[in-house]
């Protein structure tokens, strides 16, 4: 049986507009205490939020993250370890968070779930995981993790999330903050949901000292030359253009990739997201190339950050301790919040 919105899940949620209590009404489909289709209503301001396909929806269908909804529903299993044949998601989750493998009895908040590859890793700790995304990627996550009793998936805005303040034991946000209109405000918003003695972990793209047009990390400089065009394209049209381009370049990229030391960088310079170094077979590496080339070119917002900036985010009195370093996705940061 797939996991649906449970009545008991209301304890994690509040109205994103006024933080009022929510109740379930207009249940159209229900299986015992699980709601497939219905509505959530705020007791204070009486706004109704739909439950569709077992997922509470607190945002409109169309928003600035439409491109992510498209890519993750098309590639709903591409980066999951179970299908990729490598352990990249597991390694990245546990090495970035440094959390224990068993977190029974704790609650984890995931901000920006994408297809749910990290939701799976968080749920493997036996903690209760509340995972959200701004885009329709939540449907891809539901396909991957909808059978887990310790996962609740919702569609929500990181700047106005329907989650209780100072409630969660832990929270993480991987690969998301740089794609919001205001990365620092997004960070502060999701951090406010964590208990005063809780833990926070993030990663974010690195802003190179040479500037985005000269840096190869986290993406080649050519990305920024073409983004003024690609970000104006409809996501469906752009994705098909990316597929056609990768199909054309793929045979050549195999040979270029074999050039010692610089081959992969050359491929990335030509906007071929080359992940063969991860141990992927050719067909899977090509799927990753479709996905990550599109991911480079499609987001409306792209705001990498400097290491010193992220250190400043974590150096305030809210944190009892913190650690900020270069890592998997550019910069990795984690911190433990101060007790009251």
Protein backbone atom coordinates (compact mmCIF):
# COMPACT_ATOMS: atom_id res chain seq x y z
CA UNK A 1 0.00 0.00 0.00
CA UNK A 2 1.40 3.43 -0.92
CA UNK A 3 1.71 6.08 1.74
CA UNK A 4 -0.99 8.76 1.59
CA UNK A 5 -1.66 11.91 3.55
CA UNK A 6 -2.47 10.63 7.06
CA UNK A 7 -4.71 12.50 9.43
CA UNK A 8 -1.94 12.14 12.02
CA UNK A 9 0.39 14.14 9.73
CA UNK A 10 -1.48 17.32 10.65
CA UNK A 11 0.76 17.67 13.71
CA UNK A 12 3.62 18.72 11.41
CA UNK A 13 1.64 21.28 9.41
CA UNK A 14 0.24 24.79 9.82
CA UNK A 15 -1.32 27.31 7.46
CA UNK A 16 1.52 29.00 5.53
CA UNK A 17 -0.38 32.30 5.53
CA UNK A 18 -1.24 32.73 9.21
CA UNK A 19 0.30 29.67 10.95
CA UNK A 20 -3.17 28.58 12.03
CA UNK A 21 -4.14 24.98 12.72
CA UNK A 22 -5.31 22.88 9.77
CA UNK A 23 -8.05 20.30 9.55
CA UNK A 24 -9.08 17.92 6.79
CA UNK A 25 -12.39 18.38 5.03
CA UNK A 26 -13.96 17.53 1.68
CA UNK A 27 -12.40 14.08 1.61
CA UNK A 28 -13.10 12.62 -1.81
CA UNK A 29 -10.95 9.51 -1.53
CA UNK A 30 -9.80 7.89 1.68
CA UNK A 31 -8.31 4.59 2.80
CA UNK A 32 -8.80 4.26 6.57
CA UNK A 33 -6.81 7.22 7.99
CA UNK A 34 -5.09 7.97 4.68
CA UNK A 35 -6.42 10.70 2.37
CA UNK A 36 -5.76 10.43 -1.35
CA UNK A 37 -7.87 13.38 -2.53
CA UNK A 38 -9.39 16.13 -0.43
CA UNK A 39 -8.65 19.47 1.17
CA UNK A 40 -6.91 21.04 4.15
CA UNK A 41 -8.60 24.07 5.71
CA UNK A 42 -7.13 26.63 8.08
CA UNK A 43 -9.21 27.06 11.24
CA UNK A 44 -8.21 30.75 11.44
CA UNK A 45 -8.23 32.24 7.95
CA UNK A 46 -10.29 29.47 6.31
CA UNK A 47 -8.01 29.12 3.28
CA UNK A 48 -8.32 25.70 1.64
CA UNK A 49 -5.33 23.76 0.34
CA UNK A 50 -5.90 20.75 -1.91
CA UNK A 51 -4.66 17.21 -1.35
CA UNK A 52 -4.06 15.79 -4.82
CA UNK A 53 -2.56 12.41 -5.64
CA UNK A 54 -1.97 11.94 -1.88
CA UNK A 55 0.18 15.09 -1.62
CA UNK A 56 -0.89 18.28 0.20
CA UNK A 57 -0.36 21.20 -2.19
CA UNK A 58 0.36 24.64 -0.71
CA UNK A 59 1.48 26.40 -3.91
CA UNK A 60 0.11 27.03 -7.38
CA UNK A 61 0.88 24.60 -10.18
CA UNK A 62 2.93 27.06 -12.25
CA UNK A 63 5.93 28.74 -10.63
CA UNK A 64 9.60 29.58 -11.21
CA UNK A 65 10.61 25.96 -10.54
CA UNK A 66 8.65 24.43 -13.43
CA UNK A 67 11.88 23.30 -15.06
CA UNK A 68 12.73 21.19 -12.01
CA UNK A 69 9.31 19.56 -12.07
CA UNK A 70 9.88 18.58 -15.68
CA UNK A 71 13.40 17.21 -15.21
CA UNK A 72 12.66 15.19 -12.08
CA UNK A 73 9.49 13.65 -13.43
CA UNK A 74 11.33 12.66 -16.62
CA UNK A 75 14.32 11.42 -14.62
CA UNK A 76 12.52 10.19 -11.53
CA UNK A 77 15.00 7.36 -10.92
CA UNK A 78 18.13 8.43 -12.85
CA UNK A 79 20.18 9.49 -9.82
CA UNK A 80 18.81 7.03 -7.28
CA UNK A 81 21.50 4.59 -6.18
CA UNK A 82 19.15 1.64 -6.69
CA UNK A 83 19.01 2.37 -10.42
CA UNK A 84 22.34 4.07 -11.10
CA UNK A 85 24.38 1.18 -9.73
CA UNK A 86 26.59 3.52 -7.68
CA UNK A 87 26.30 4.79 -4.10
CA UNK A 88 26.70 8.51 -4.82
CA UNK A 89 23.45 9.58 -3.11
CA UNK A 90 24.11 7.55 0.03
CA UNK A 91 27.70 8.74 0.28
CA UNK A 92 26.78 12.39 -0.30
CA UNK A 93 23.93 12.37 2.24
CA UNK A 94 25.85 10.84 5.12
CA UNK A 95 29.17 12.58 4.41
CA UNK A 96 27.53 15.99 4.14
CA UNK A 97 25.32 15.63 7.21
CA UNK A 98 27.57 13.40 9.36
CA UNK A 99 24.35 12.09 10.90
CA UNK A 100 24.02 8.65 12.46
CA UNK A 101 22.60 5.76 10.47
CA UNK A 102 19.87 5.24 13.11
CA UNK A 103 17.80 8.30 14.06
CA UNK A 104 14.66 6.54 15.31
CA UNK A 105 12.32 8.88 17.15
CA UNK A 106 13.65 12.03 15.45
CA UNK A 107 12.09 14.24 12.78
CA UNK A 108 14.00 15.36 9.67
CA UNK A 109 12.96 18.20 7.36
CA UNK A 110 14.13 18.12 3.75
CA UNK A 111 13.84 21.40 1.83
CA UNK A 112 13.80 20.85 -1.92
CA UNK A 113 13.46 17.14 -2.50
CA UNK A 114 13.70 16.83 -6.29
CA UNK A 115 13.12 13.21 -7.26
CA UNK A 116 13.64 12.05 -3.68
CA UNK A 117 17.04 10.42 -3.83
CA UNK A 118 18.05 12.03 -0.54
CA UNK A 119 14.59 11.46 0.92
CA UNK A 120 15.33 7.76 0.55
CA UNK A 121 18.62 8.10 2.42
CA UNK A 122 17.07 10.19 5.20
CA UNK A 123 14.22 7.69 5.60
CA UNK A 124 16.74 4.85 5.88
CA UNK A 125 17.67 6.25 9.33
CA UNK A 126 14.15 5.38 10.60
CA UNK A 127 13.49 9.04 11.42
CA UNK A 128 10.20 10.64 10.37
CA UNK A 129 11.00 12.62 7.21
CA UNK A 130 8.90 15.56 6.03
CA UNK A 131 10.04 16.40 2.51
CA UNK A 132 8.90 19.24 0.28
CA UNK A 133 9.60 20.84 -3.06
CA UNK A 134 8.25 23.95 -4.78
CA UNK A 135 7.78 22.10 -8.06
CA UNK A 136 5.85 19.08 -9.27
CA UNK A 137 9.01 17.07 -8.53
CA UNK A 138 7.06 15.97 -5.45
CA UNK A 139 5.22 13.54 -7.74
CA UNK A 140 8.53 11.93 -8.70
CA UNK A 141 9.47 11.74 -5.02
CA UNK A 142 6.13 10.10 -4.26
CA UNK A 143 6.85 7.42 -6.86
CA UNK A 144 10.18 6.72 -5.19
CA UNK A 145 9.24 7.00 -1.53
CA UNK A 146 5.46 6.82 -1.36
CA UNK A 147 5.60 3.32 0.14
CA UNK A 148 7.48 4.45 3.25
CA UNK A 149 5.48 4.88 6.44
CA UNK A 150 8.03 7.36 7.82
CA UNK A 151 7.81 9.86 4.93
CA UNK A 152 5.40 12.74 4.33
CA UNK A 153 5.75 14.58 1.01
CA UNK A 154 4.21 18.01 0.45
CA UNK A 155 4.42 20.69 -2.23
CA UNK A 156 5.35 24.00 -0.65
CA UNK A 157 7.39 27.22 -0.88
CA UNK A 158 10.62 27.41 1.11
CA UNK A 159 9.89 31.09 1.86
CA UNK A 160 6.41 30.34 3.21
CA UNK A 161 6.39 26.70 4.23
CA UNK A 162 3.41 25.14 6.06
CA UNK A 163 5.60 23.66 8.79
CA UNK A 164 5.79 24.33 12.50
CA UNK A 165 8.55 26.63 13.73
CA UNK A 166 11.27 25.21 16.01
CA UNK A 167 9.81 21.71 15.59
CA UNK A 168 12.28 19.50 13.72
CA UNK A 169 15.33 17.74 15.15
CA UNK A 170 17.27 18.02 11.90
CA UNK A 171 16.97 19.74 8.52
CA UNK A 172 18.91 19.57 5.27
CA UNK A 173 18.81 21.32 1.92
CA UNK A 174 20.97 20.00 -0.92
CA UNK A 175 21.30 21.58 -4.36
CA UNK A 176 18.46 24.06 -3.89
CA UNK A 177 19.38 27.35 -2.22
CA UNK A 178 21.31 28.75 -5.21
CA UNK A 179 18.19 28.33 -7.35
CA UNK A 180 15.94 30.50 -5.17
CA UNK A 181 15.42 34.26 -5.63
CA UNK A 182 17.20 34.94 -2.31
CA UNK A 183 19.45 32.12 -1.05
CA UNK A 184 20.10 33.68 2.37
CA UNK A 185 16.42 34.36 3.03
CA UNK A 186 15.61 30.80 1.94
CA UNK A 187 18.24 29.47 4.34
CA UNK A 188 16.88 31.49 7.25
CA UNK A 189 13.33 30.44 6.48
CA UNK A 190 13.98 26.71 6.51
CA UNK A 191 16.37 26.97 9.46
CA UNK A 192 13.57 28.53 11.54
CA UNK A 193 11.75 25.20 11.48
CA UNK A 194 14.50 23.47 13.49
CA UNK A 195 14.56 23.09 17.28
CA UNK A 196 16.99 25.27 19.18
CA UNK A 197 19.31 22.32 19.81
CA UNK A 198 18.76 20.81 16.38
CA UNK A 199 21.11 20.36 13.42
CA UNK A 200 21.18 21.90 9.95
CA UNK A 201 23.12 20.78 6.83
CA UNK A 202 23.25 22.43 3.42
CA UNK A 203 25.24 22.43 0.22
CA UNK A 204 25.36 25.23 -2.31
CA UNK A 205 27.23 26.10 -5.50
CA UNK A 206 30.63 27.74 -5.04
CA UNK A 207 31.27 31.22 -6.42
CA UNK A 208 34.80 31.31 -7.73
CA UNK A 209 37.04 34.29 -7.00
CA UNK A 210 37.68 34.64 -10.73
CA UNK A 211 34.00 35.21 -11.40
CA UNK A 212 31.35 33.07 -12.99
CA UNK A 213 32.58 33.64 -16.55
CA UNK A 214 36.04 32.19 -15.80
CA UNK A 215 35.27 29.44 -13.31
CA UNK A 216 34.83 25.73 -14.03
CA UNK A 217 33.14 25.04 -10.71
CA UNK A 218 30.39 24.18 -10.07
CA UNK A 219 29.79 24.45 -13.80
CA UNK A 220 31.74 25.66 -16.85
CA UNK A 221 31.78 29.36 -17.73
CA UNK A 222 30.06 28.66 -21.05
CA UNK A 223 26.89 27.94 -19.06
CA UNK A 224 26.57 31.63 -18.22
CA UNK A 225 27.02 32.73 -21.82
CA UNK A 226 24.05 30.70 -23.06
CA UNK A 227 21.74 30.98 -20.03
CA UNK A 228 20.30 34.37 -21.16
CA UNK A 229 18.82 32.43 -24.08
CA UNK A 230 18.03 29.07 -22.51
CA UNK A 231 16.25 30.47 -19.45
CA UNK A 232 13.75 32.14 -21.79
CA UNK A 233 12.89 28.89 -23.53
CA UNK A 234 9.92 26.76 -22.53
CA UNK A 235 11.28 23.89 -20.40
CA UNK A 236 9.90 21.23 -22.76
CA UNK A 237 11.54 22.83 -25.78
CA UNK A 238 14.83 23.32 -23.98
CA UNK A 239 14.88 19.74 -22.74
CA UNK A 240 14.38 18.38 -26.26
CA UNK A 241 17.14 20.66 -27.53
CA UNK A 242 19.45 19.34 -24.81
CA UNK A 243 18.63 15.73 -25.71
CA UNK A 244 19.35 16.40 -29.39
CA UNK A 245 22.62 18.15 -28.54
CA UNK A 246 23.85 15.41 -26.19
CA UNK A 247 22.93 12.72 -28.74
CA UNK A 248 25.01 14.57 -31.34
CA UNK A 249 27.98 15.21 -29.03
CA UNK A 250 28.03 11.90 -27.16
CA UNK A 251 30.28 9.86 -29.51
CA UNK A 252 32.81 12.72 -29.67
CA UNK A 253 32.64 13.29 -25.90
CA UNK A 254 33.76 9.70 -25.31
CA UNK A 255 37.04 10.41 -27.10
CA UNK A 256 37.50 13.85 -25.58
CA UNK A 257 36.92 12.39 -22.10
CA UNK A 258 39.91 10.11 -22.54
CA UNK A 259 42.34 13.05 -22.81
CA UNK A 260 44.41 12.88 -19.60
CA UNK A 261 43.69 15.48 -16.90
CA UNK A 262 41.60 17.85 -19.05
CA UNK A 263 39.23 15.65 -21.04
CA UNK A 264 36.22 15.90 -18.71
CA UNK A 265 36.70 19.66 -18.31
CA UNK A 266 36.64 20.06 -22.08
CA UNK A 267 33.38 18.14 -22.26
CA UNK A 268 31.85 20.33 -19.56
CA UNK A 269 33.15 23.40 -21.40
CA UNK A 270 31.12 22.22 -24.39
CA UNK A 271 28.10 21.77 -22.07
CA UNK A 272 28.20 17.99 -21.98
CA UNK A 273 27.70 17.03 -18.33
CA UNK A 274 30.24 14.20 -18.20
CA UNK A 275 29.82 11.96 -15.14
CA UNK A 276 31.62 8.88 -16.46
CA UNK A 277 34.18 9.31 -13.65
CA UNK A 278 31.53 8.16 -11.15
CA UNK A 279 31.59 4.63 -12.52
CA UNK A 280 28.34 4.85 -14.47
CA UNK A 281 27.92 2.67 -17.52
CA UNK A 282 27.59 4.50 -20.84
CA UNK A 283 23.80 4.47 -21.08
CA UNK A 284 23.36 5.72 -17.49
CA UNK A 285 26.07 8.35 -17.95
CA UNK A 286 24.16 9.62 -20.98
CA UNK A 287 20.96 9.93 -18.91
CA UNK A 288 22.92 11.92 -16.31
CA UNK A 289 24.21 14.11 -19.15
CA UNK A 290 20.66 14.85 -20.33
CA UNK A 291 19.60 15.65 -16.78
CA UNK A 292 22.53 17.77 -15.62
CA UNK A 293 23.05 19.67 -18.85
CA UNK A 294 19.39 20.67 -18.66
CA UNK A 295 19.88 21.43 -14.97
CA UNK A 296 22.73 23.82 -15.83
CA UNK A 297 20.80 25.73 -18.47
CA UNK A 298 17.20 25.86 -17.28
CA UNK A 299 16.93 27.34 -13.74
CA UNK A 300 15.57 30.87 -13.59
CA UNK A 301 17.86 31.71 -10.67
CA UNK A 302 21.52 30.75 -10.25
CA UNK A 303 23.30 32.38 -7.32
CA UNK A 304 26.51 30.59 -6.26
CA UNK A 305 28.07 31.81 -3.00
CA UNK A 306 31.54 32.42 -1.62
CA UNK A 307 32.91 30.28 1.21
CA UNK A 308 33.25 33.33 3.46
CA UNK A 309 29.59 34.19 2.87
CA UNK A 310 28.39 30.76 4.00
CA UNK A 311 30.69 30.95 7.01
CA UNK A 312 28.99 34.21 7.93
CA UNK A 313 25.56 32.53 7.64
CA UNK A 314 26.61 29.94 10.21
CA UNK A 315 28.64 32.17 12.53
CA UNK A 316 25.75 33.91 14.28
CA UNK A 317 24.70 33.35 17.90
CA UNK A 318 22.01 30.89 16.75
CA UNK A 319 24.70 28.26 16.25
CA UNK A 320 26.56 26.54 19.07
CA UNK A 321 29.03 25.11 16.57
CA UNK A 322 29.41 24.88 12.81
CA UNK A 323 31.67 23.63 10.02
CA UNK A 324 31.92 25.07 6.49
CA UNK A 325 34.12 23.54 3.77
CA UNK A 326 34.36 22.93 0.07
CA UNK A 327 32.64 19.65 -0.83
CA UNK A 328 30.43 17.65 -3.17
CA UNK A 329 28.28 20.38 -4.69
CA UNK A 330 30.62 23.32 -4.15
CA UNK A 331 30.28 24.27 -0.48
CA UNK A 332 29.07 22.04 2.35
CA UNK A 333 27.99 23.51 5.68
CA UNK A 334 26.49 22.06 8.83
CA UNK A 335 25.79 23.41 12.26
CA UNK A 336 24.19 22.67 15.60
CA UNK A 337 21.80 25.29 16.89
CA UNK A 338 22.24 26.77 20.33
CA UNK A 339 20.05 25.69 23.19
CA UNK A 340 17.64 28.29 24.62
